[in-house]
Amino acid sequence: MKHSFFLVSSLLISFGQIKAADEPITWLVNYEAKSLPQEQGWKAVGELAAKAKLANGALHLVDDSAKADGAFRATWKPPPDTEIVVEATARVESVAARRGTGMWPAQQGVPVGLLVSDGVHQEGLLLRPEKIATYHDRVALFDAKTKFHTYQLVIRDRDMSIAADGNVMICGEGAFWKKAESAEAFVQFGSTALGWMGDAHWQSVRLGLRKRSEPPAKPALKITVSEPWDIPPSPGWDQPRHGGHELKSKDPEIGIAAPEAKPGKPLPPTRPYLYEVGKGVLMLSVAQGPDAIYEPYGALRSTDAGKTWMPVKDLQFKTFAPQPHVRLADDSILGVSRWNVKYEPGVYVGMSYRFDSKGETFTMFENLIRAPADAGQVLAFDRDIWNLGDGKLMAATYTRASKEYASYLLTSNDAGATWNHFSTIGAGPEPSVVRFSDTEMMAILRTLSFGPLLQTWSHDGGKTWSKLTTLEEGSVAPDMVVMSNGVIACSYGRPGSNLMFSTDQGKTWTHHTVITDSGGFTYTALREISPGRLLYIHDAPKLRALYVDVERINP
């Protein structure tokens, strides 16, 4: 099957924050905690709903089971040309897991939340003591435990804003996207999670409609997504082998959604890192082990725009395999190992690779890395590396000391033999950095799994960086590229494999697109391989590639 021109979905998505409307709201369904929901026409869903009790002017709904859930649902009929408004006044007591894994609401449901369906799409609000979020990729840090708050969801077409006590916390462009589970429109509150447990108090829930406050905005971009194709594992991937260092994170917020490798059952390749090195050559670094320090990686190459991939000989299942790749002035390709060894405080030794112009053969040499003395055990080279000209290279890295992450820029003046600390981008791992000019740069960093991404700017070539600001999008491994048409494309994952775009150098993000909401490590990567065409690679539920065409239609 040929995949290069099988374009199957053309997404014209309106953008812009949903504004407050003066139009009156017609309330269709309503619950007030003066009696049980069943007595007010709501249907109990899940066996734990029967345990709900009225106390202190609120409905106390507890999900204390790792195998059951409980919620209340009311149905309604959606007329055309209206906005949906959902309001709930609630307080979260606690949320807990049955085991040490991260929470992926898109796949697992939520222990405390609202779920809304108009019979075509459905989405909702997740409440946790320390944050509020959609079921998928929008999140805002917020104290939802200390006192009751009134939350308002405004749904217009595929946008869904979320406000708390009248303050918009999540603009939600493109957030109301998931296909509805049935043609029946409903609103539901409570627990839909079997594995997670929650405890919350609900004072009221209601859903209403109002006349559209404004016409749909004209889209600025046309996003066209192709059919995906698989990237098969390198030969021998299913053989037991070294699985990395024992210093593996036990933090449930950093843990993975995919099952970890077991003895005799290694994982297929995950966590792609993609590099366009020119001359028609693409390089791809993929993890070939569990989520662990010093886990093995492998290098692949493609010369047909990512349709097929060839394992680079002698660079499979190697702890010190190269990750970032860049073409040098002499037409060779430099690769730098993701992992390195700490020699003394702030000093590390890693491996560099000098490939031929086609990325087929290589020689190896050690590199010396100098970072701040308080850097952690490992300083990991991540996504971005640039040839700045005049023999100077720059790369983005990150480290973890104790429980604190830091992202750095390093520079090299000797083709990767030595690297020196140039600047600290900010407190966070997995940086993705774009350069608009010799002076203007922008970076997005990860926080925690299902936590908000962080953004920062530099106006002096990366020497200094602005205070980190919080985005509503989350959660891991952002990857950005400035396209030839001036659009910034940013992929990010977990839960789901996602895309967003900016036409104003990252000041606003629009045209949100979910490539898949399947679970996995859910890391993503992208590069522009021809004008207006992105190659997008993700690992959920397995390593796959596809094309995304981006066309400006409303400059």
Protein backbone atom coordinates (compact mmCIF):
# COMPACT_ATOMS: atom_id res chain seq x y z
CA MET A 1 0.00 0.00 0.00
CA LYS A 2 1.30 3.48 -0.87
CA HIS A 3 0.84 6.09 1.80
CA SER A 4 2.42 9.29 0.54
CA PHE A 5 -0.69 10.78 -1.07
CA PHE A 6 -3.55 9.07 0.75
CA LEU A 7 -4.84 12.14 2.59
CA VAL A 8 -7.90 11.23 4.55
CA SER A 9 -8.88 14.03 6.89
CA SER A 10 -9.07 17.74 6.24
CA LEU A 11 -9.61 19.69 9.43
CA LEU A 12 -10.84 23.28 9.28
CA ILE A 13 -10.89 24.32 12.91
CA SER A 14 -12.07 27.70 14.13
CA PHE A 15 -9.91 29.43 16.66
CA GLY A 16 -10.14 31.98 19.43
CA GLN A 17 -11.27 32.04 23.02
CA ILE A 18 -14.97 31.53 23.71
CA LYS A 19 -16.18 34.90 24.95
CA ALA A 20 -18.80 35.53 27.60
CA ALA A 21 -22.24 36.07 26.10
CA ASP A 22 -25.09 38.35 27.13
CA GLU A 23 -27.65 35.91 25.74
CA PRO A 24 -29.89 34.30 28.39
CA ILE A 25 -29.36 30.63 29.25
CA THR A 26 -32.24 28.18 29.07
CA TRP A 27 -31.52 25.53 31.68
CA LEU A 28 -32.61 22.05 30.58
CA VAL A 29 -31.41 19.79 33.37
CA ASN A 30 -30.61 20.70 36.95
CA TYR A 31 -29.48 19.08 40.18
CA GLU A 32 -29.49 20.73 43.60
CA ALA A 33 -28.21 18.79 46.60
CA LYS A 34 -31.48 18.98 48.49
CA SER A 35 -32.32 15.35 47.68
CA LEU A 36 -30.63 12.45 45.90
CA PRO A 37 -30.11 12.76 42.13
CA GLN A 38 -32.48 9.85 41.41
CA GLU A 39 -35.29 11.83 43.03
CA GLN A 40 -34.63 14.70 40.60
CA GLY A 41 -34.70 12.60 37.43
CA TRP A 42 -31.04 11.64 37.15
CA LYS A 43 -30.03 8.07 36.35
CA ALA A 44 -27.50 6.23 38.51
CA VAL A 45 -24.52 4.89 36.53
CA GLY A 46 -22.21 2.33 38.15
CA GLU A 47 -22.69 0.39 41.35
CA LEU A 48 -21.01 3.00 43.60
CA ALA A 49 -23.73 5.57 42.86
CA ALA A 50 -25.97 3.83 45.38
CA LYS A 51 -23.54 4.81 48.16
CA ALA A 52 -23.92 8.57 47.57
CA LYS A 53 -25.19 10.48 50.60
CA LEU A 54 -26.38 13.99 51.39
CA ALA A 55 -24.27 15.79 53.99
CA ASN A 56 -23.78 19.46 54.88
CA GLY A 57 -25.67 20.75 51.86
CA ALA A 58 -23.81 18.63 49.28
CA LEU A 59 -23.94 15.19 47.70
CA HIS A 60 -20.99 13.18 49.00
CA LEU A 61 -19.95 10.80 46.24
CA VAL A 62 -17.09 8.42 47.04
CA ASP A 63 -15.32 6.06 44.66
CA ASP A 64 -13.43 3.80 47.08
CA SER A 65 -13.11 0.82 44.75
CA ALA A 66 -10.38 -0.08 42.26
CA LYS A 67 -12.91 -2.18 40.33
CA ALA A 68 -16.09 -0.08 40.24
CA ASP A 69 -17.30 3.45 39.61
CA GLY A 70 -20.39 5.53 40.23
CA ALA A 71 -21.97 8.59 38.65
CA PHE A 72 -25.28 10.26 37.77
CA ARG A 73 -26.50 11.05 34.24
CA ALA A 74 -29.25 13.18 32.73
CA THR A 75 -30.14 13.28 29.04
CA TRP A 76 -31.16 16.25 26.88
CA LYS A 77 -31.87 17.14 23.23
CA PRO A 78 -29.46 19.53 21.46
CA PRO A 79 -31.03 22.04 19.04
CA PRO A 80 -28.88 23.63 16.30
CA ASP A 81 -27.06 26.99 16.48
CA THR A 82 -26.67 27.06 20.25
CA GLU A 83 -23.90 26.99 22.80
CA ILE A 84 -23.89 24.45 25.61
CA VAL A 85 -23.29 25.79 29.11
CA VAL A 86 -22.60 23.38 31.98
CA GLU A 87 -22.15 24.58 35.54
CA ALA A 88 -21.17 22.60 38.62
CA THR A 89 -20.34 23.63 42.17
CA ALA A 90 -18.07 21.06 43.76
CA ARG A 91 -15.14 20.39 46.06
CA VAL A 92 -12.61 17.58 45.71
CA GLU A 93 -11.54 15.72 48.83
CA SER A 94 -9.01 13.31 47.35
CA VAL A 95 -7.93 11.31 44.32
CA ALA A 96 -5.86 8.14 44.61
CA ALA A 97 -4.53 5.34 42.41
CA ARG A 98 -4.74 1.61 42.87
CA ARG A 99 -1.12 1.32 41.73
CA GLY A 100 1.81 3.57 40.91
CA THR A 101 0.90 4.65 37.40
CA GLY A 102 0.05 7.97 35.87
CA MET A 103 -3.53 9.05 35.24
CA TRP A 104 -4.64 9.01 31.61
CA PRO A 105 -8.30 10.13 31.69
CA ALA A 106 -8.78 9.66 27.95
CA GLN A 107 -8.26 5.93 28.40
CA GLN A 108 -9.06 5.29 32.06
CA GLY A 109 -11.91 7.65 32.85
CA VAL A 110 -11.84 10.03 35.82
CA PRO A 111 -12.56 9.50 39.53
CA VAL A 112 -14.07 13.00 39.96
CA GLY A 113 -15.43 14.86 36.98
CA LEU A 114 -18.07 16.05 34.54
CA LEU A 115 -18.72 14.40 31.18
CA VAL A 116 -20.77 16.14 28.47
CA SER A 117 -22.03 14.75 25.15
CA ASP A 118 -24.06 16.43 22.40
CA GLY A 119 -24.50 13.11 20.59
CA VAL A 120 -21.68 13.91 18.16
CA HIS A 121 -18.72 14.73 20.39
CA GLN A 122 -18.03 14.37 24.08
CA GLU A 123 -15.49 15.73 26.56
CA GLY A 124 -15.44 16.87 30.12
CA LEU A 125 -13.82 18.32 33.20
CA LEU A 126 -11.49 16.40 35.49
CA LEU A 127 -11.20 17.65 39.06
CA ARG A 128 -8.21 16.87 41.24
CA PRO A 129 -7.18 18.54 44.49
CA GLU A 130 -4.33 20.40 42.77
CA LYS A 131 -5.58 20.88 39.20
CA ILE A 132 -8.48 20.98 36.79
CA ALA A 133 -8.27 19.55 33.29
CA THR A 134 -10.07 18.17 30.30
CA TYR A 135 -10.06 14.43 29.78
CA HIS A 136 -7.34 14.84 27.17
CA ASP A 137 -4.67 17.54 26.98
CA ARG A 138 -5.73 20.83 28.66
CA VAL A 139 -4.83 21.43 32.28
CA ALA A 140 -4.58 24.27 34.81
CA LEU A 141 -3.04 24.14 38.27
CA PHE A 142 -5.76 25.10 40.75
CA ASP A 143 -6.75 24.46 44.38
CA ALA A 144 -9.95 22.49 43.97
CA LYS A 145 -9.85 21.06 47.50
CA THR A 146 -9.85 23.85 50.04
CA LYS A 147 -13.34 25.18 49.27
CA PHE A 148 -16.26 24.85 46.87
CA HIS A 149 -15.86 26.41 43.43
CA THR A 150 -18.32 26.90 40.61
CA TYR A 151 -17.00 25.57 37.31
CA GLN A 152 -18.49 26.56 33.98
CA LEU A 153 -17.97 24.76 30.67
CA VAL A 154 -18.97 26.62 27.52
CA ILE A 155 -19.08 24.39 24.43
CA ARG A 156 -19.33 25.89 20.97
CA ASP A 157 -18.79 23.52 18.03
CA ARG A 158 -15.41 21.89 18.85
CA ASP A 159 -14.26 24.48 21.38
CA MET A 160 -14.75 24.08 25.14
CA SER A 161 -13.68 26.75 27.60
CA ILE A 162 -13.48 26.09 31.34
CA ALA A 163 -13.88 28.82 33.98
CA ALA A 164 -13.62 28.63 37.76
CA ASP A 165 -15.65 31.18 39.72
CA GLY A 166 -15.99 33.29 36.58
CA ASN A 167 -12.27 33.25 35.67
CA VAL A 168 -11.41 31.47 32.43
CA MET A 169 -8.71 28.90 33.24
CA ILE A 170 -8.75 26.94 29.96
CA CYS A 171 -9.67 28.54 26.62
CA GLY A 172 -10.11 25.09 25.08
CA GLU A 173 -9.80 25.76 21.33
CA GLY A 174 -10.46 22.41 19.65
CA ALA A 175 -10.90 20.63 23.00
CA PHE A 176 -14.42 19.26 22.35
CA TRP A 177 -13.26 16.78 19.72
CA LYS A 178 -13.74 13.17 20.82
CA LYS A 179 -16.38 11.11 19.02
CA ALA A 180 -19.43 10.52 21.22
CA GLU A 181 -19.98 7.05 22.61
CA SER A 182 -23.63 7.16 21.44
CA ALA A 183 -26.12 9.44 19.70
CA GLU A 184 -27.74 10.27 23.04
CA ALA A 185 -26.81 13.69 24.43
CA PHE A 186 -26.15 13.68 28.18
CA VAL A 187 -24.41 15.34 31.11
CA GLN A 188 -22.87 13.18 33.83
CA PHE A 189 -21.04 13.84 37.10
CA GLY A 190 -19.13 11.52 39.40
CA SER A 191 -16.64 8.73 38.74
CA THR A 192 -16.05 6.87 35.47
CA ALA A 193 -12.70 5.34 36.52
CA LEU A 194 -12.32 1.72 37.55
CA GLY A 195 -8.66 1.90 38.56
CA TRP A 196 -8.64 5.31 40.20
CA MET A 197 -10.52 6.34 43.34
CA GLY A 198 -11.94 9.70 44.32
CA ASP A 199 -13.88 11.54 47.00
CA ALA A 200 -15.86 14.69 46.19
CA HIS A 201 -18.79 16.84 47.30
CA TRP A 202 -21.30 18.18 44.76
CA GLN A 203 -23.66 21.06 45.59
CA SER A 204 -25.19 21.49 42.13
CA VAL A 205 -24.92 20.52 38.47
CA ARG A 206 -26.88 21.98 35.57
CA LEU A 207 -26.83 22.14 31.77
CA GLY A 208 -28.36 24.82 29.59
CA LEU A 209 -28.34 26.32 26.12
CA ARG A 210 -28.00 29.84 24.80
CA LYS A 211 -27.90 31.53 21.43
CA ARG A 212 -24.45 31.66 19.87
CA SER A 213 -22.60 34.69 21.15
CA GLU A 214 -20.68 35.22 17.90
CA PRO A 215 -20.30 33.60 14.46
CA PRO A 216 -17.61 30.97 13.93
CA ALA A 217 -14.16 32.46 13.31
CA LYS A 218 -12.58 31.79 9.96
CA PRO A 219 -9.75 29.27 10.20
CA ALA A 220 -6.25 30.47 9.41
CA LEU A 221 -4.92 27.05 8.43
CA LYS A 222 -6.03 23.95 6.60
CA ILE A 223 -4.64 20.84 8.30
CA THR A 224 -4.66 17.60 6.29
CA VAL A 225 -3.61 14.32 7.91
CA SER A 226 -2.63 11.22 5.95
CA GLU A 227 -3.19 7.56 6.71
CA PRO A 228 -0.45 6.26 9.06
CA TRP A 229 2.04 3.52 8.31
CA ASP A 230 4.06 1.35 10.69
CA ILE A 231 7.77 1.64 11.38
CA PRO A 232 8.77 -1.95 12.15
CA PRO A 233 11.18 -2.82 14.97
CA SER A 234 14.82 -3.50 14.17
CA PRO A 235 15.70 -7.20 13.81
CA GLY A 236 16.28 -8.81 17.19
CA TRP A 237 14.10 -6.40 19.15
CA ASP A 238 12.28 -9.29 20.86
CA GLN A 239 15.42 -10.78 22.39
CA PRO A 240 16.11 -10.24 26.12
CA ARG A 241 18.87 -7.68 26.61
CA HIS A 242 20.14 -4.92 28.86
CA GLY A 243 17.24 -2.81 30.14
CA GLY A 244 18.90 0.25 31.63
CA HIS A 245 20.03 1.44 35.04
CA GLU A 246 18.10 0.62 38.19
CA LEU A 247 17.60 4.34 38.92
CA LYS A 248 14.19 4.31 37.33
CA SER A 249 11.60 6.83 38.43
CA LYS A 250 8.97 5.53 40.84
CA ASP A 251 7.04 8.78 40.80
CA PRO A 252 3.47 7.91 39.65
CA GLU A 253 3.25 11.22 37.78
CA ILE A 254 6.39 10.39 35.79
CA GLY A 255 5.51 6.74 35.22
CA ILE A 256 4.37 5.50 31.84
CA ALA A 257 0.97 4.47 30.55
CA ALA A 258 2.34 1.53 28.58
CA PRO A 259 3.22 -1.79 30.22
CA GLU A 260 6.88 -2.09 31.02
CA ALA A 261 9.06 -4.83 29.60
CA LYS A 262 9.15 -8.07 31.52
CA PRO A 263 11.89 -10.71 31.49
CA GLY A 264 11.75 -12.39 28.09
CA LYS A 265 9.23 -9.83 26.79
CA PRO A 266 11.11 -6.71 25.69
CA LEU A 267 9.25 -3.67 24.42
CA PRO A 268 9.13 -2.73 20.75
CA PRO A 269 10.70 0.66 19.88
CA THR A 270 9.18 3.75 21.49
CA ARG A 271 9.92 7.45 22.10
CA PRO A 272 10.93 8.74 18.66
CA TYR A 273 13.33 11.67 18.11
CA LEU A 274 13.39 12.85 14.49
CA TYR A 275 16.05 14.87 12.64
CA GLU A 276 16.04 16.29 9.12
CA VAL A 277 19.75 16.58 8.26
CA GLY A 278 19.44 17.67 4.62
CA LYS A 279 20.44 16.02 1.34
CA GLY A 280 17.26 13.91 1.54
CA VAL A 281 18.37 12.10 4.72
CA LEU A 282 16.25 11.70 7.85
CA MET A 283 17.68 10.27 11.08
CA LEU A 284 15.52 8.77 13.80
CA SER A 285 16.52 7.85 17.35
CA VAL A 286 14.21 5.42 19.18
CA ALA A 287 14.25 3.91 22.64
CA GLN A 288 14.72 0.15 22.55
CA GLY A 289 14.16 -0.66 26.21
CA PRO A 290 12.10 0.29 29.28
CA ASP A 291 11.82 3.77 30.75
CA ALA A 292 15.16 3.77 32.59
CA ILE A 293 18.40 5.69 32.80
CA TYR A 294 20.99 4.26 30.38
CA GLU A 295 18.36 2.27 28.54
CA PRO A 296 19.35 1.22 25.02
CA TYR A 297 18.53 3.35 21.96
CA GLY A 298 18.88 2.72 18.26
CA ALA A 299 19.45 4.88 15.17
CA LEU A 300 17.44 4.55 11.95
CA ARG A 301 17.71 6.41 8.65
CA SER A 302 15.33 7.14 5.78
CA THR A 303 15.95 8.47 2.27
CA ASP A 304 12.35 8.32 1.01
CA ALA A 305 10.67 11.00 3.16
CA GLY A 306 10.05 8.65 6.06
CA LYS A 307 8.08 5.96 4.21
CA THR A 308 10.68 3.30 5.03
CA TRP A 309 13.40 3.14 7.66
CA MET A 310 16.70 1.25 7.72
CA PRO A 311 18.48 0.42 10.99
CA VAL A 312 21.98 1.89 11.01
CA LYS A 313 24.39 -1.03 11.22
CA ASP A 314 26.07 -1.46 14.62
CA LEU A 315 23.88 1.23 16.22
CA GLN A 316 21.02 -0.88 17.56
CA PHE A 317 20.33 -1.56 21.25
CA LYS A 318 23.24 0.63 22.35
CA THR A 319 23.24 2.52 25.62
CA PHE A 320 25.33 5.30 24.07
CA ALA A 321 23.62 5.43 20.67
CA PRO A 322 23.33 8.92 19.14
CA GLN A 323 20.19 10.96 19.61
CA PRO A 324 20.43 14.50 18.16
CA HIS A 325 21.88 14.64 14.62
CA VAL A 326 23.05 17.64 12.59
CA ARG A 327 24.89 18.10 9.29
CA LEU A 328 28.28 19.82 9.51
CA ALA A 329 30.01 22.17 7.09
CA ASP A 330 32.11 19.35 5.59
CA ASP A 331 28.87 17.47 4.68
CA SER A 332 29.33 14.84 7.39
CA ILE A 333 26.62 14.22 9.99
CA LEU A 334 27.30 14.56 13.71
CA GLY A 335 25.36 12.48 16.23
CA VAL A 336 25.63 12.93 20.01
CA SER A 337 24.74 10.22 22.51
CA ARG A 338 21.68 10.83 24.66
CA TRP A 339 23.38 9.31 27.70
CA ASN A 340 26.72 10.14 29.26
CA VAL A 341 28.70 9.35 32.42
CA LYS A 342 29.30 11.79 35.24
CA TYR A 343 33.05 12.17 35.80
CA GLU A 344 32.99 14.80 38.55
CA PRO A 345 30.56 17.58 39.56
CA GLY A 346 29.49 19.34 36.39
CA VAL A 347 31.71 17.25 34.12
CA TYR A 348 30.47 14.36 31.94
CA VAL A 349 31.84 12.07 29.25
CA GLY A 350 29.64 10.90 26.36
CA MET A 351 30.00 9.60 22.83
CA SER A 352 29.92 11.43 19.51
CA TYR A 353 29.49 9.90 16.07
CA ARG A 354 30.77 11.25 12.76
CA PHE A 355 28.66 9.81 9.92
CA ASP A 356 29.29 9.96 6.22
CA SER A 357 27.06 12.28 4.20
CA LYS A 358 24.39 9.58 3.80
CA GLY A 359 24.30 8.53 7.45
CA GLU A 360 25.37 4.98 6.64
CA THR A 361 28.83 4.58 8.21
CA PHE A 362 30.42 6.28 11.18
CA THR A 363 33.40 6.69 13.46
CA MET A 364 33.14 7.25 17.21
CA PHE A 365 34.93 9.51 19.66
CA GLU A 366 34.42 10.57 23.25
CA ASN A 367 33.12 14.01 24.06
CA LEU A 368 33.64 16.11 27.18
CA ILE A 369 30.65 18.00 28.60
CA ARG A 370 30.87 20.84 31.13
CA ALA A 371 27.69 21.88 32.94
CA PRO A 372 26.84 23.64 36.22
CA ALA A 373 28.30 21.86 39.23
CA ASP A 374 24.85 21.15 40.66
CA ALA A 375 23.71 19.20 37.58
CA GLY A 376 22.47 15.67 38.22
CA GLN A 377 23.91 12.21 37.64
CA VAL A 378 23.03 12.28 33.95
CA LEU A 379 22.82 15.19 31.56
CA ALA A 380 20.69 14.00 28.65
CA PHE A 381 20.99 15.40 25.13
CA ASP A 382 17.43 15.79 23.92
CA ARG A 383 15.69 16.95 20.74
CA ASP A 384 17.34 20.04 19.35
CA ILE A 385 20.76 20.71 17.88
CA TRP A 386 21.83 23.48 15.51
CA ASN A 387 24.77 24.25 13.28
CA LEU A 388 25.16 27.99 13.88
CA GLY A 389 27.92 28.41 11.32
CA ASP A 390 31.56 29.39 11.75
CA GLY A 391 32.18 26.01 13.36
CA LYS A 392 29.80 26.60 16.29
CA LEU A 393 27.15 24.11 17.41
CA MET A 394 24.39 24.50 19.98
CA ALA A 395 22.28 21.76 21.61
CA ALA A 396 19.44 21.54 24.14
CA THR A 397 19.90 19.23 27.13
CA TYR A 398 18.39 18.61 30.53
CA THR A 399 19.34 17.12 33.87
CA ARG A 400 17.78 16.17 37.18
CA ALA A 401 19.45 16.85 40.51
CA SER A 402 17.51 15.41 43.46
CA LYS A 403 13.90 16.18 42.44
CA GLU A 404 14.67 19.35 40.49
CA TYR A 405 14.96 19.42 36.69
CA ALA A 406 16.86 21.99 34.65
CA SER A 407 17.16 22.49 30.89
CA TYR A 408 20.36 23.90 29.42
CA LEU A 409 21.83 25.12 26.17
CA LEU A 410 25.34 23.83 25.47
CA THR A 411 27.72 25.02 22.76
CA SER A 412 30.64 23.39 20.97
CA ASN A 413 33.38 25.07 18.90
CA ASP A 414 35.18 21.86 17.93
CA ALA A 415 32.58 19.77 16.06
CA GLY A 416 31.22 18.10 19.19
CA ALA A 417 34.45 17.07 20.90
CA THR A 418 33.72 19.36 23.85
CA TRP A 419 30.49 20.98 25.03
CA ASN A 420 30.22 23.87 27.46
CA HIS A 421 27.28 25.32 29.36
CA PHE A 422 25.91 28.35 27.54
CA SER A 423 22.72 29.12 29.46
CA THR A 424 19.98 27.68 31.65
CA ILE A 425 16.61 27.71 29.88
CA GLY A 426 14.49 26.98 32.94
CA ALA A 427 13.38 24.50 35.58
CA GLY A 428 11.87 21.63 33.62
CA PRO A 429 12.89 18.64 31.50
CA GLU A 430 12.45 17.66 27.82
CA PRO A 431 12.97 21.08 26.25
CA SER A 432 11.96 21.84 22.67
CA VAL A 433 13.59 25.01 21.36
CA VAL A 434 13.06 26.95 18.12
CA ARG A 435 15.21 29.73 16.66
CA PHE A 436 13.48 32.54 14.76
CA SER A 437 16.70 34.48 14.18
CA ASP A 438 20.19 34.89 15.62
CA THR A 439 18.60 36.65 18.60
CA GLU A 440 15.00 35.45 18.94
CA MET A 441 14.30 32.00 20.43
CA MET A 442 11.40 30.26 22.18
CA ALA A 443 11.27 27.08 24.24
CA ILE A 444 8.60 24.78 25.64
CA LEU A 445 9.42 22.46 28.55
CA ARG A 446 7.65 19.57 30.19
CA THR A 447 6.60 19.55 33.83
CA LEU A 448 4.94 16.29 34.98
CA SER A 449 2.85 13.75 33.13
CA PHE A 450 -0.60 15.30 32.71
CA GLY A 451 0.82 18.60 33.90
CA PRO A 452 0.90 21.86 31.95
CA LEU A 453 3.72 22.64 29.53
CA LEU A 454 5.92 25.66 30.23
CA GLN A 455 7.00 28.34 27.76
CA THR A 456 9.88 30.81 27.79
CA TRP A 457 11.54 33.32 25.42
CA SER A 458 15.02 34.61 24.67
CA HIS A 459 15.82 37.86 22.87
CA ASP A 460 19.60 37.61 22.97
CA GLY A 461 20.37 34.37 21.16
CA GLY A 462 19.67 32.09 24.14
CA LYS A 463 21.95 33.78 26.68
CA THR A 464 19.06 34.72 28.98
CA TRP A 465 15.48 33.48 29.20
CA SER A 466 12.23 35.01 30.40
CA LYS A 467 10.25 33.76 33.37
CA LEU A 468 8.49 30.50 32.59
CA THR A 469 4.80 30.87 31.80
CA THR A 470 2.24 28.07 31.96
CA LEU A 471 0.37 26.84 28.90
CA GLU A 472 -3.02 25.16 29.11
CA GLU A 473 -1.71 22.29 26.99
CA GLY A 474 0.09 19.34 28.61
CA SER A 475 1.89 17.02 29.16
CA VAL A 476 5.15 15.43 27.81
CA ALA A 477 7.89 15.60 25.20
CA PRO A 478 7.02 18.68 23.12
CA ASP A 479 8.66 18.91 19.70
CA MET A 480 8.52 22.12 17.65
CA VAL A 481 9.49 23.13 14.14
CA VAL A 482 9.28 26.48 12.36
CA MET A 483 7.84 25.66 8.94
CA SER A 484 8.80 27.33 5.67
CA ASN A 485 5.42 29.13 5.63
CA GLY A 486 6.15 30.72 9.02
CA VAL A 487 3.81 28.46 10.99
CA ILE A 488 5.12 26.81 14.16
CA ALA A 489 4.01 23.21 14.55
CA CYS A 490 4.25 21.63 18.00
CA SER A 491 3.62 17.99 18.80
CA TYR A 492 3.17 16.73 22.35
CA GLY A 493 1.85 13.60 24.00
CA ARG A 494 0.36 11.71 26.89
CA PRO A 495 -2.47 11.21 26.91
CA GLY A 496 -2.82 10.97 23.15
CA SER A 497 -0.56 12.07 20.32
CA ASN A 498 -1.32 15.72 19.68
CA LEU A 499 -0.56 18.69 17.44
CA MET A 500 -1.06 22.43 17.77
CA PHE A 501 -0.01 25.36 15.62
CA SER A 502 0.92 29.00 15.98
CA THR A 503 0.88 31.72 13.35
CA ASP A 504 2.32 34.40 15.67
CA GLN A 505 5.63 32.84 16.77
CA GLY A 506 4.14 30.98 19.73
CA LYS A 507 2.16 33.79 21.35
CA THR A 508 -1.07 31.84 20.78
CA TRP A 509 -1.71 28.20 19.90
CA THR A 510 -4.61 27.11 17.68
CA HIS A 511 -5.83 24.40 15.29
CA HIS A 512 -5.40 21.69 17.92
CA THR A 513 -5.46 18.26 16.30
CA VAL A 514 -5.48 14.85 18.00
CA ILE A 515 -3.65 12.34 15.84
CA THR A 516 -4.70 9.45 18.09
CA ASP A 517 -5.86 9.06 21.68
CA SER A 518 -4.44 5.54 21.93
CA GLY A 519 -2.32 4.86 25.01
CA GLY A 520 1.38 4.05 25.19
CA PHE A 521 4.54 5.92 26.09
CA THR A 522 2.88 8.48 23.79
CA TYR A 523 5.97 10.37 22.68
CA THR A 524 5.87 12.23 19.39
CA ALA A 525 8.26 13.85 16.90
CA LEU A 526 7.90 15.95 13.75
CA ARG A 527 9.97 17.70 11.08
CA GLU A 528 9.12 19.56 7.88
CA ILE A 529 10.28 17.35 5.00
CA SER A 530 9.04 19.53 2.12
CA PRO A 531 7.39 22.96 2.02
CA GLY A 532 4.13 22.74 4.00
CA ARG A 533 4.47 19.00 4.74
CA LEU A 534 5.32 17.57 8.15
CA LEU A 535 6.44 14.04 8.90
CA TYR A 536 4.84 13.11 12.24
CA ILE A 537 5.98 10.02 14.20
CA HIS A 538 4.42 8.67 17.39
CA ASP A 539 4.54 5.45 19.42
CA ALA A 540 0.93 4.87 20.52
CA PRO A 541 -0.03 2.10 20.33
CA LYS A 542 3.11 1.33 18.26
CA LEU A 543 5.70 3.21 16.26
CA ARG A 544 3.95 4.86 13.31
CA ALA A 545 4.46 7.71 10.86
CA LEU A 546 2.12 9.93 8.85
CA TYR A 547 2.11 13.18 6.90
CA VAL A 548 0.49 16.42 8.00
CA ASP A 549 0.03 19.10 5.33
CA VAL A 550 -0.31 22.66 6.64
CA GLU A 551 -1.71 25.35 4.34
CA ARG A 552 -2.32 28.99 5.19
CA ILE A 553 -5.81 29.95 4.01
CA ASN A 554 -6.53 33.13 5.99
CA PRO A 555 -3.33 35.19 6.34
